[in-house]
Amino acid sequence: NLPLRRGLEFMSATPRDPQEGDFGLDEEDLKKPTIQKRIQARKEFSLLPVKMGDMARLAKTAVEELEKLKKSGAKRILLVWNQVAVARMAFEMIQDRKTLLIGRNHPIHRQALQEECEPFVTSKRNREEDNDAFVVISTQVIEVGADYDFDAMVTEVAPLDVLIQRFGRLNRRGEFPTAKAIILGRSDHLAEGSPIYGMAMGATWELLQA
């Protein structure tokens, strides 16, 4: 047997030089309008349980919530799923201009899709040009490595750290005083666990209800 060795390993997609010290905001930073706007912006969520059923019911509920968000003025909307099959179903139901980003896409194909949707959802875009609705339907691939900024979001419940990553794509630059998210949870997954995250979904749901 190999000897057991204990240690601490720093892992990050964007590693920094340890000599630089911790990153933070000082008083001068906090006075800047761009920083204040981001800090003061609110991200509100509503929990919406979905009765035990097939994937199509979950996808249909999400599309219904999508329509409500559009009526409230949202133009760039993100739908995030834990399973590819549900993402595909929702994609087929949506009539707006849309993009499907899933992990099963070939890397070259996925990169082409990301480049196609980037002008519509990049945080650097001119929001005055956001006319018709544009919807991104995605799985966990949206959680990292993308500087996207959405007006609203519908997401399936997931472990808290995963949800935090997803919420990082919502109102990223604080352009709205308040941004809305809908968190969906299948009753059977909340009670019995899901194929992807097990009982963590139910635990997160209870925490968010507190």
C-alpha atoms as a PDB file:
ATOM      1  CA  ASN A   1       0.000   0.000   0.000  1.00  0.00           C
ATOM      2  CA  LEU A   2       1.111   3.526  -0.713  1.00  0.00           C
ATOM      3  CA  PRO A   3       1.710   5.709   2.364  1.00  0.00           C
ATOM      4  CA  LEU A   4      -1.109   8.119   3.147  1.00  0.00           C
ATOM      5  CA  ARG A   5       0.010  11.715   2.763  1.00  0.00           C
ATOM      6  CA  ARG A   6      -2.031  14.677   3.892  1.00  0.00           C
ATOM      7  CA  GLY A   7      -1.766  18.159   2.467  1.00  0.00           C
ATOM      8  CA  LEU A   8      -3.597  21.170   1.145  1.00  0.00           C
ATOM      9  CA  GLU A   9      -3.845  21.756  -2.601  1.00  0.00           C
ATOM     10  CA  PHE A  10      -5.098  25.050  -4.075  1.00  0.00           C
ATOM     11  CA  MET A  11      -7.328  24.433  -7.091  1.00  0.00           C
ATOM     12  CA  SER A  12      -8.765  27.191  -9.254  1.00  0.00           C
ATOM     13  CA  ALA A  13      -9.483  27.935 -12.895  1.00  0.00           C
ATOM     14  CA  THR A  14      -7.829  31.339 -12.345  1.00  0.00           C
ATOM     15  CA  PRO A  15      -4.900  30.797  -9.948  1.00  0.00           C
ATOM     16  CA  ARG A  16      -3.157  33.799  -8.455  1.00  0.00           C
ATOM     17  CA  ASP A  17       0.344  34.370  -7.163  1.00  0.00           C
ATOM     18  CA  PRO A  18       0.241  33.620  -3.390  1.00  0.00           C
ATOM     19  CA  GLN A  19       2.635  36.521  -2.854  1.00  0.00           C
ATOM     20  CA  GLU A  20      -0.050  38.951  -4.022  1.00  0.00           C
ATOM     21  CA  GLY A  21      -2.104  38.423  -0.871  1.00  0.00           C
ATOM     22  CA  ASP A  22      -5.873  38.188  -0.528  1.00  0.00           C
ATOM     23  CA  PHE A  23      -8.115  40.011  -2.984  1.00  0.00           C
ATOM     24  CA  GLY A  24     -10.607  42.458  -1.536  1.00  0.00           C
ATOM     25  CA  LEU A  25     -12.373  45.800  -1.904  1.00  0.00           C
ATOM     26  CA  ASP A  26     -11.170  48.836   0.021  1.00  0.00           C
ATOM     27  CA  GLU A  27     -13.179  51.947   0.914  1.00  0.00           C
ATOM     28  CA  GLU A  28     -12.241  53.709  -2.314  1.00  0.00           C
ATOM     29  CA  ASP A  29     -13.436  50.734  -4.359  1.00  0.00           C
ATOM     30  CA  LEU A  30     -16.771  50.698  -2.559  1.00  0.00           C
ATOM     31  CA  LYS A  31     -17.375  54.339  -3.491  1.00  0.00           C
ATOM     32  CA  LYS A  32     -17.200  53.635  -7.218  1.00  0.00           C
ATOM     33  CA  PRO A  33     -20.633  53.735  -8.937  1.00  0.00           C
ATOM     34  CA  THR A  34     -20.039  50.490 -10.834  1.00  0.00           C
ATOM     35  CA  ILE A  35     -19.215  48.638  -7.606  1.00  0.00           C
ATOM     36  CA  GLN A  36     -22.111  50.185  -5.687  1.00  0.00           C
ATOM     37  CA  LYS A  37     -24.529  49.173  -8.427  1.00  0.00           C
ATOM     38  CA  ARG A  38     -23.468  45.547  -8.229  1.00  0.00           C
ATOM     39  CA  ILE A  39     -23.485  45.387  -4.441  1.00  0.00           C
ATOM     40  CA  GLN A  40     -26.890  47.023  -4.056  1.00  0.00           C
ATOM     41  CA  ALA A  41     -28.619  44.988  -6.771  1.00  0.00           C
ATOM     42  CA  ARG A  42     -30.974  42.311  -5.411  1.00  0.00           C
ATOM     43  CA  LYS A  43     -31.475  38.802  -6.725  1.00  0.00           C
ATOM     44  CA  GLU A  44     -34.832  37.481  -5.578  1.00  0.00           C
ATOM     45  CA  PHE A  45     -35.998  33.905  -5.951  1.00  0.00           C
ATOM     46  CA  SER A  46     -39.229  31.974  -5.642  1.00  0.00           C
ATOM     47  CA  LEU A  47     -39.487  28.259  -4.942  1.00  0.00           C
ATOM     48  CA  LEU A  48     -41.905  26.366  -7.141  1.00  0.00           C
ATOM     49  CA  PRO A  49     -42.480  22.672  -6.330  1.00  0.00           C
ATOM     50  CA  VAL A  50     -43.553  20.463  -9.219  1.00  0.00           C
ATOM     51  CA  LYS A  51     -45.689  17.433  -8.432  1.00  0.00           C
ATOM     52  CA  MET A  52     -44.065  14.074  -9.014  1.00  0.00           C
ATOM     53  CA  GLY A  53     -44.237  13.226 -12.686  1.00  0.00           C
ATOM     54  CA  ASP A  54     -42.219  12.840 -15.826  1.00  0.00           C
ATOM     55  CA  MET A  55     -39.589  15.183 -17.207  1.00  0.00           C
ATOM     56  CA  ALA A  56     -42.040  16.751 -19.637  1.00  0.00           C
ATOM     57  CA  ARG A  57     -44.078  18.194 -16.761  1.00  0.00           C
ATOM     58  CA  LEU A  58     -40.959  19.820 -15.319  1.00  0.00           C
ATOM     59  CA  ALA A  59     -39.992  21.292 -18.695  1.00  0.00           C
ATOM     60  CA  LYS A  60     -43.536  22.545 -19.329  1.00  0.00           C
ATOM     61  CA  THR A  61     -43.636  24.277 -15.934  1.00  0.00           C
ATOM     62  CA  ALA A  62     -40.357  26.026 -16.709  1.00  0.00           C
ATOM     63  CA  VAL A  63     -41.639  27.274 -20.052  1.00  0.00           C
ATOM     64  CA  GLU A  64     -44.787  28.617 -18.376  1.00  0.00           C
ATOM     65  CA  GLU A  65     -42.616  30.536 -15.899  1.00  0.00           C
ATOM     66  CA  LEU A  66     -40.478  31.762 -18.793  1.00  0.00           C
ATOM     67  CA  GLU A  67     -43.535  33.353 -20.382  1.00  0.00           C
ATOM     68  CA  LYS A  68     -44.366  35.133 -17.116  1.00  0.00           C
ATOM     69  CA  LEU A  69     -40.829  36.512 -16.883  1.00  0.00           C
ATOM     70  CA  LYS A  70     -41.048  37.798 -20.452  1.00  0.00           C
ATOM     71  CA  LYS A  71     -44.300  39.610 -19.635  1.00  0.00           C
ATOM     72  CA  SER A  72     -42.539  41.270 -16.688  1.00  0.00           C
ATOM     73  CA  GLY A  73     -39.994  42.750 -19.106  1.00  0.00           C
ATOM     74  CA  ALA A  74     -37.120  40.243 -19.096  1.00  0.00           C
ATOM     75  CA  LYS A  75     -35.392  39.962 -22.480  1.00  0.00           C
ATOM     76  CA  ARG A  76     -32.443  37.687 -21.776  1.00  0.00           C
ATOM     77  CA  ILE A  77     -33.479  34.603 -19.837  1.00  0.00           C
ATOM     78  CA  LEU A  78     -31.504  31.583 -18.672  1.00  0.00           C
ATOM     79  CA  LEU A  79     -32.956  28.109 -18.069  1.00  0.00           C
ATOM     80  CA  VAL A  80     -30.639  25.691 -16.255  1.00  0.00           C
ATOM     81  CA  TRP A  81     -31.231  21.964 -15.875  1.00  0.00           C
ATOM     82  CA  ASN A  82     -29.513  19.144 -14.043  1.00  0.00           C
ATOM     83  CA  GLN A  83     -30.226  16.611 -16.794  1.00  0.00           C
ATOM     84  CA  VAL A  84     -29.668  16.843 -20.539  1.00  0.00           C
ATOM     85  CA  ALA A  85     -32.982  15.166 -21.368  1.00  0.00           C
ATOM     86  CA  VAL A  86     -35.024  17.886 -19.633  1.00  0.00           C
ATOM     87  CA  ALA A  87     -32.936  20.616 -21.260  1.00  0.00           C
ATOM     88  CA  ARG A  88     -33.699  19.151 -24.685  1.00  0.00           C
ATOM     89  CA  MET A  89     -37.437  18.972 -23.919  1.00  0.00           C
ATOM     90  CA  ALA A  90     -37.566  22.593 -22.795  1.00  0.00           C
ATOM     91  CA  PHE A  91     -35.591  23.646 -25.863  1.00  0.00           C
ATOM     92  CA  GLU A  92     -38.173  22.045 -28.159  1.00  0.00           C
ATOM     93  CA  MET A  93     -41.063  23.766 -26.341  1.00  0.00           C
ATOM     94  CA  ILE A  94     -39.690  27.311 -26.519  1.00  0.00           C
ATOM     95  CA  GLN A  95     -40.672  29.413 -29.521  1.00  0.00           C
ATOM     96  CA  ASP A  96     -38.338  32.364 -28.975  1.00  0.00           C
ATOM     97  CA  ARG A  97     -34.862  32.714 -30.418  1.00  0.00           C
ATOM     98  CA  LYS A  98     -32.804  30.283 -28.364  1.00  0.00           C
ATOM     99  CA  THR A  99     -29.569  28.342 -27.878  1.00  0.00           C
ATOM    100  CA  LEU A 100     -29.054  24.934 -26.283  1.00  0.00           C
ATOM    101  CA  LEU A 101     -25.770  24.498 -24.375  1.00  0.00           C
ATOM    102  CA  ILE A 102     -25.186  20.994 -23.013  1.00  0.00           C
ATOM    103  CA  GLY A 103     -22.148  18.968 -22.037  1.00  0.00           C
ATOM    104  CA  ARG A 104     -22.845  16.281 -24.627  1.00  0.00           C
ATOM    105  CA  ASN A 105     -22.199  18.683 -27.488  1.00  0.00           C
ATOM    106  CA  HIS A 106     -18.898  18.112 -29.246  1.00  0.00           C
ATOM    107  CA  PRO A 107     -16.431  20.723 -27.907  1.00  0.00           C
ATOM    108  CA  ILE A 108     -16.116  22.373 -31.324  1.00  0.00           C
ATOM    109  CA  HIS A 109     -19.894  22.482 -31.718  1.00  0.00           C
ATOM    110  CA  ARG A 110     -20.366  23.812 -28.185  1.00  0.00           C
ATOM    111  CA  GLN A 111     -17.794  26.531 -28.774  1.00  0.00           C
ATOM    112  CA  ALA A 112     -19.611  27.562 -31.963  1.00  0.00           C
ATOM    113  CA  LEU A 113     -22.904  27.787 -30.042  1.00  0.00           C
ATOM    114  CA  GLN A 114     -21.285  29.878 -27.313  1.00  0.00           C
ATOM    115  CA  GLU A 115     -19.845  32.255 -29.877  1.00  0.00           C
ATOM    116  CA  GLU A 116     -23.257  32.483 -31.537  1.00  0.00           C
ATOM    117  CA  CYS A 117     -25.093  33.457 -28.358  1.00  0.00           C
ATOM    118  CA  GLU A 118     -22.359  35.612 -26.796  1.00  0.00           C
ATOM    119  CA  PRO A 119     -23.369  38.891 -28.538  1.00  0.00           C
ATOM    120  CA  PHE A 120     -26.857  38.493 -27.078  1.00  0.00           C
ATOM    121  CA  VAL A 121     -25.915  37.695 -23.479  1.00  0.00           C
ATOM    122  CA  THR A 122     -22.389  38.974 -22.812  1.00  0.00           C
ATOM    123  CA  SER A 123     -22.204  41.261 -19.792  1.00  0.00           C
ATOM    124  CA  LYS A 124     -20.490  43.871 -22.007  1.00  0.00           C
ATOM    125  CA  ARG A 125     -23.375  44.222 -24.463  1.00  0.00           C
ATOM    126  CA  ASN A 126     -25.436  47.371 -24.956  1.00  0.00           C
ATOM    127  CA  ARG A 127     -28.708  46.536 -23.212  1.00  0.00           C
ATOM    128  CA  GLU A 128     -30.553  49.198 -25.180  1.00  0.00           C
ATOM    129  CA  GLU A 129     -30.254  46.811 -28.128  1.00  0.00           C
ATOM    130  CA  ASP A 130     -32.031  43.985 -26.255  1.00  0.00           C
ATOM    131  CA  ASN A 131     -35.226  43.948 -28.285  1.00  0.00           C
ATOM    132  CA  ASP A 132     -36.753  40.522 -28.783  1.00  0.00           C
ATOM    133  CA  ALA A 133     -36.396  37.776 -26.204  1.00  0.00           C
ATOM    134  CA  PHE A 134     -33.386  35.478 -26.328  1.00  0.00           C
ATOM    135  CA  VAL A 135     -33.291  32.304 -24.219  1.00  0.00           C
ATOM    136  CA  VAL A 136     -30.332  30.111 -23.305  1.00  0.00           C
ATOM    137  CA  ILE A 137     -31.234  26.581 -22.224  1.00  0.00           C
ATOM    138  CA  SER A 138     -28.310  24.899 -20.528  1.00  0.00           C
ATOM    139  CA  THR A 139     -27.036  22.281 -18.133  1.00  0.00           C
ATOM    140  CA  GLN A 140     -24.123  22.675 -15.701  1.00  0.00           C
ATOM    141  CA  VAL A 141     -21.807  23.894 -18.492  1.00  0.00           C
ATOM    142  CA  ILE A 142     -23.148  27.431 -17.937  1.00  0.00           C
ATOM    143  CA  GLU A 143     -21.863  27.558 -14.369  1.00  0.00           C
ATOM    144  CA  VAL A 144     -18.215  28.396 -15.086  1.00  0.00           C
ATOM    145  CA  GLY A 145     -16.084  30.190 -17.634  1.00  0.00           C
ATOM    146  CA  ALA A 146     -18.748  32.405 -19.166  1.00  0.00           C
ATOM    147  CA  ASP A 147     -19.182  36.157 -18.728  1.00  0.00           C
ATOM    148  CA  TYR A 148     -22.911  36.058 -19.422  1.00  0.00           C
ATOM    149  CA  ASP A 149     -25.477  38.395 -17.898  1.00  0.00           C
ATOM    150  CA  PHE A 150     -29.184  37.487 -17.855  1.00  0.00           C
ATOM    151  CA  ASP A 151     -32.231  39.509 -16.818  1.00  0.00           C
ATOM    152  CA  ALA A 152     -34.017  36.514 -15.279  1.00  0.00           C
ATOM    153  CA  MET A 153     -33.505  32.812 -14.663  1.00  0.00           C
ATOM    154  CA  VAL A 154     -35.411  29.571 -14.219  1.00  0.00           C
ATOM    155  CA  THR A 155     -33.327  26.813 -12.667  1.00  0.00           C
ATOM    156  CA  GLU A 156     -33.821  23.362 -11.277  1.00  0.00           C
ATOM    157  CA  VAL A 157     -32.827  23.156  -7.613  1.00  0.00           C
ATOM    158  CA  ALA A 158     -29.283  21.954  -6.976  1.00  0.00           C
ATOM    159  CA  PRO A 159     -26.750  21.937  -4.127  1.00  0.00           C
ATOM    160  CA  LEU A 160     -26.212  25.401  -2.689  1.00  0.00           C
ATOM    161  CA  ASP A 161     -22.716  25.878  -4.118  1.00  0.00           C
ATOM    162  CA  VAL A 162     -24.039  24.989  -7.572  1.00  0.00           C
ATOM    163  CA  LEU A 163     -26.939  27.433  -7.251  1.00  0.00           C
ATOM    164  CA  ILE A 164     -24.515  30.180  -6.268  1.00  0.00           C
ATOM    165  CA  GLN A 165     -22.626  29.624  -9.512  1.00  0.00           C
ATOM    166  CA  ARG A 166     -25.864  29.808 -11.503  1.00  0.00           C
ATOM    167  CA  PHE A 167     -26.957  32.984  -9.738  1.00  0.00           C
ATOM    168  CA  GLY A 168     -23.635  34.486 -10.788  1.00  0.00           C
ATOM    169  CA  ARG A 169     -25.077  34.675 -14.316  1.00  0.00           C
ATOM    170  CA  LEU A 170     -28.112  36.650 -13.121  1.00  0.00           C
ATOM    171  CA  ASN A 171     -27.964  40.469 -13.226  1.00  0.00           C
ATOM    172  CA  ARG A 172     -24.184  40.119 -13.211  1.00  0.00           C
ATOM    173  CA  ARG A 173     -23.494  43.838 -13.553  1.00  0.00           C
ATOM    174  CA  GLY A 174     -26.361  45.047 -11.416  1.00  0.00           C
ATOM    175  CA  GLU A 175     -28.170  46.762 -14.282  1.00  0.00           C
ATOM    176  CA  PHE A 176     -31.516  46.123 -12.566  1.00  0.00           C
ATOM    177  CA  PRO A 177     -32.337  47.040  -8.951  1.00  0.00           C
ATOM    178  CA  THR A 178     -33.959  43.604  -8.656  1.00  0.00           C
ATOM    179  CA  ALA A 179     -33.663  40.461 -10.771  1.00  0.00           C
ATOM    180  CA  LYS A 180     -35.966  37.465 -10.531  1.00  0.00           C
ATOM    181  CA  ALA A 181     -35.209  33.747 -10.419  1.00  0.00           C
ATOM    182  CA  ILE A 182     -37.548  30.774 -10.220  1.00  0.00           C
ATOM    183  CA  ILE A 183     -36.214  27.605  -8.584  1.00  0.00           C
ATOM    184  CA  LEU A 184     -38.076  24.428  -9.550  1.00  0.00           C
ATOM    185  CA  GLY A 185     -38.049  21.200  -7.568  1.00  0.00           C
ATOM    186  CA  ARG A 186     -39.647  17.872  -8.453  1.00  0.00           C
ATOM    187  CA  SER A 187     -41.407  16.544  -5.368  1.00  0.00           C
ATOM    188  CA  ASP A 188     -40.032  13.015  -5.826  1.00  0.00           C
ATOM    189  CA  HIS A 189     -36.453  14.301  -6.203  1.00  0.00           C
ATOM    190  CA  LEU A 190     -36.821  16.477  -3.106  1.00  0.00           C
ATOM    191  CA  ALA A 191     -38.104  13.583  -1.022  1.00  0.00           C
ATOM    192  CA  GLU A 192     -36.187  10.617  -2.413  1.00  0.00           C
ATOM    193  CA  GLY A 193     -33.105  12.163  -4.051  1.00  0.00           C
ATOM    194  CA  SER A 194     -32.209  12.765  -7.682  1.00  0.00           C
ATOM    195  CA  PRO A 195     -29.990  10.771 -10.081  1.00  0.00           C
ATOM    196  CA  ILE A 196     -27.512  13.668 -10.268  1.00  0.00           C
ATOM    197  CA  TYR A 197     -27.296  15.245  -6.800  1.00  0.00           C
ATOM    198  CA  GLY A 198     -28.936  12.678  -4.550  1.00  0.00           C
ATOM    199  CA  MET A 199     -30.437  14.048  -1.319  1.00  0.00           C
ATOM    200  CA  ALA A 200     -28.564  17.355  -1.626  1.00  0.00           C
ATOM    201  CA  MET A 201     -31.462  18.844  -3.597  1.00  0.00           C
ATOM    202  CA  GLY A 202     -33.917  18.267  -0.765  1.00  0.00           C
ATOM    203  CA  ALA A 203     -31.473  19.665   1.769  1.00  0.00           C
ATOM    204  CA  THR A 204     -30.999  22.825  -0.286  1.00  0.00           C
ATOM    205  CA  TRP A 205     -34.753  23.200  -0.707  1.00  0.00           C
ATOM    206  CA  GLU A 206     -35.291  23.050   3.046  1.00  0.00           C
ATOM    207  CA  LEU A 207     -32.536  25.590   3.610  1.00  0.00           C
ATOM    208  CA  LEU A 208     -34.051  28.017   1.101  1.00  0.00           C
ATOM    209  CA  GLN A 209     -37.462  27.660   2.743  1.00  0.00           C
ATOM    210  CA  ALA A 210     -36.085  28.651   6.148  1.00  0.00           C
END
